Amino acid sequence: PGESGLGIVDEYILIGECDDGTCGHNYLTWGNPDAYESEDGNESSVPVAPYVEDGYQRIELKDLSLLQISRFDCKRSSESKTVSFRRGA
């Protein structure tokens, strides 16, 4: 466990449609700055993505993403992705 008493992982992987709000929260889960909503309504400055604040780096695993399908995939697009969030990458 980390200093806070909570377990800390070196990596976590999310699989699904990302960056458009379909799976998870568009900003809180994926860090998409276009989806940031401030509590005071001032959205002129977007803070650091939550995963960055927690010490993770976002890495899209493109080779794995090519092997998966989702409910929205079609010949023109593939929205499902495999994304790794790693510490110290």
Protein backbone atom coordinates (compact mmCIF):
# COMPACT_ATOMS: atom_id res chain seq x y z
CA PRO A 1 0.00 0.00 0.00
CA GLY A 2 1.04 3.57 -0.67
CA GLU A 3 1.52 6.25 1.96
CA SER A 4 -2.22 6.90 2.06
CA GLY A 5 -2.92 3.26 2.91
CA LEU A 6 -4.48 2.69 -0.49
CA GLY A 7 -3.03 0.22 -2.95
CA ILE A 8 -1.22 1.87 -5.85
CA VAL A 9 -0.83 0.10 -9.18
CA ASP A 10 1.90 0.63 -11.76
CA GLU A 11 -0.49 0.26 -14.68
CA TYR A 12 -4.19 0.03 -15.41
CA ILE A 13 -5.78 -0.68 -18.79
CA LEU A 14 -9.13 0.57 -20.05
CA ILE A 15 -10.84 -1.02 -23.04
CA GLY A 16 -13.74 0.61 -24.85
CA GLU A 17 -14.89 3.71 -26.68
CA CYS A 18 -12.78 6.62 -25.45
CA ASP A 19 -12.59 10.41 -25.75
CA ASP A 20 -16.21 10.88 -26.75
CA GLY A 21 -18.10 10.21 -23.52
CA THR A 22 -19.50 6.83 -24.52
CA CYS A 23 -17.55 4.87 -21.87
CA GLY A 24 -16.55 6.51 -18.62
CA HIS A 25 -16.44 10.25 -18.06
CA ASN A 26 -14.90 12.04 -21.02
CA TYR A 27 -12.62 14.24 -18.88
CA LEU A 28 -12.30 12.44 -15.55
CA THR A 29 -11.65 9.01 -17.08
CA TRP A 30 -9.86 9.83 -20.33
CA GLY A 31 -8.53 13.36 -19.70
CA ASN A 32 -10.16 14.85 -22.81
CA PRO A 33 -9.72 18.62 -22.29
CA ASP A 34 -12.67 19.40 -24.59
CA ALA A 35 -14.98 17.84 -21.99
CA TYR A 36 -13.69 19.73 -18.94
CA GLU A 37 -16.39 21.48 -16.91
CA SER A 38 -15.28 23.76 -14.09
CA GLU A 39 -17.33 24.16 -10.94
CA ASP A 40 -17.38 27.96 -11.26
CA GLY A 41 -18.20 28.01 -14.98
CA ASN A 42 -14.78 29.42 -15.96
CA GLU A 43 -13.51 26.92 -18.49
CA SER A 44 -10.81 29.10 -20.00
CA SER A 45 -8.02 27.19 -18.27
CA VAL A 46 -8.16 23.40 -18.23
CA PRO A 47 -6.21 21.83 -15.36
CA VAL A 48 -3.88 18.88 -15.77
CA ALA A 49 -5.76 15.69 -16.64
CA PRO A 50 -6.67 13.67 -13.54
CA TYR A 51 -4.55 10.67 -14.58
CA VAL A 52 -1.50 12.96 -15.01
CA GLU A 53 -2.16 14.48 -11.59
CA ASP A 54 -2.10 10.93 -10.20
CA GLY A 55 1.28 10.25 -11.83
CA TYR A 56 0.20 8.23 -14.87
CA GLN A 57 1.03 8.57 -18.55
CA ARG A 58 -1.59 7.65 -21.16
CA ILE A 59 -0.43 5.24 -23.87
CA GLU A 60 -2.74 3.97 -26.60
CA LEU A 61 -2.03 0.30 -27.38
CA LYS A 62 -2.73 0.54 -31.10
CA ASP A 63 -1.85 -3.08 -31.93
CA LEU A 64 -4.45 -4.33 -29.45
CA SER A 65 -7.00 -1.71 -30.50
CA LEU A 66 -6.90 -3.06 -34.05
CA LEU A 67 -8.05 -6.48 -32.78
CA GLN A 68 -11.21 -5.35 -31.02
CA ILE A 69 -14.66 -4.29 -32.10
CA SER A 70 -17.41 -2.39 -30.37
CA ARG A 71 -21.07 -1.68 -30.87
CA PHE A 72 -20.26 1.50 -32.82
CA ASP A 73 -17.51 0.17 -35.10
CA CYS A 74 -18.07 0.07 -38.83
CA LYS A 75 -16.03 0.03 -42.04
CA ARG A 76 -15.41 3.79 -41.77
CA SER A 77 -14.32 4.05 -38.15
CA SER A 78 -13.20 2.16 -35.10
CA GLU A 79 -14.05 3.85 -31.84
CA SER A 80 -13.04 1.09 -29.41
CA LYS A 81 -9.50 1.40 -28.10
CA THR A 82 -7.18 -0.21 -25.57
CA VAL A 83 -5.45 2.43 -23.46
CA SER A 84 -2.77 1.86 -20.83
CA PHE A 85 -2.21 4.30 -17.98
CA ARG A 86 1.32 3.72 -16.60
CA ARG A 87 3.41 5.21 -13.86
CA GLY A 88 6.95 6.15 -14.77
CA ALA A 89 6.57 5.15 -18.42
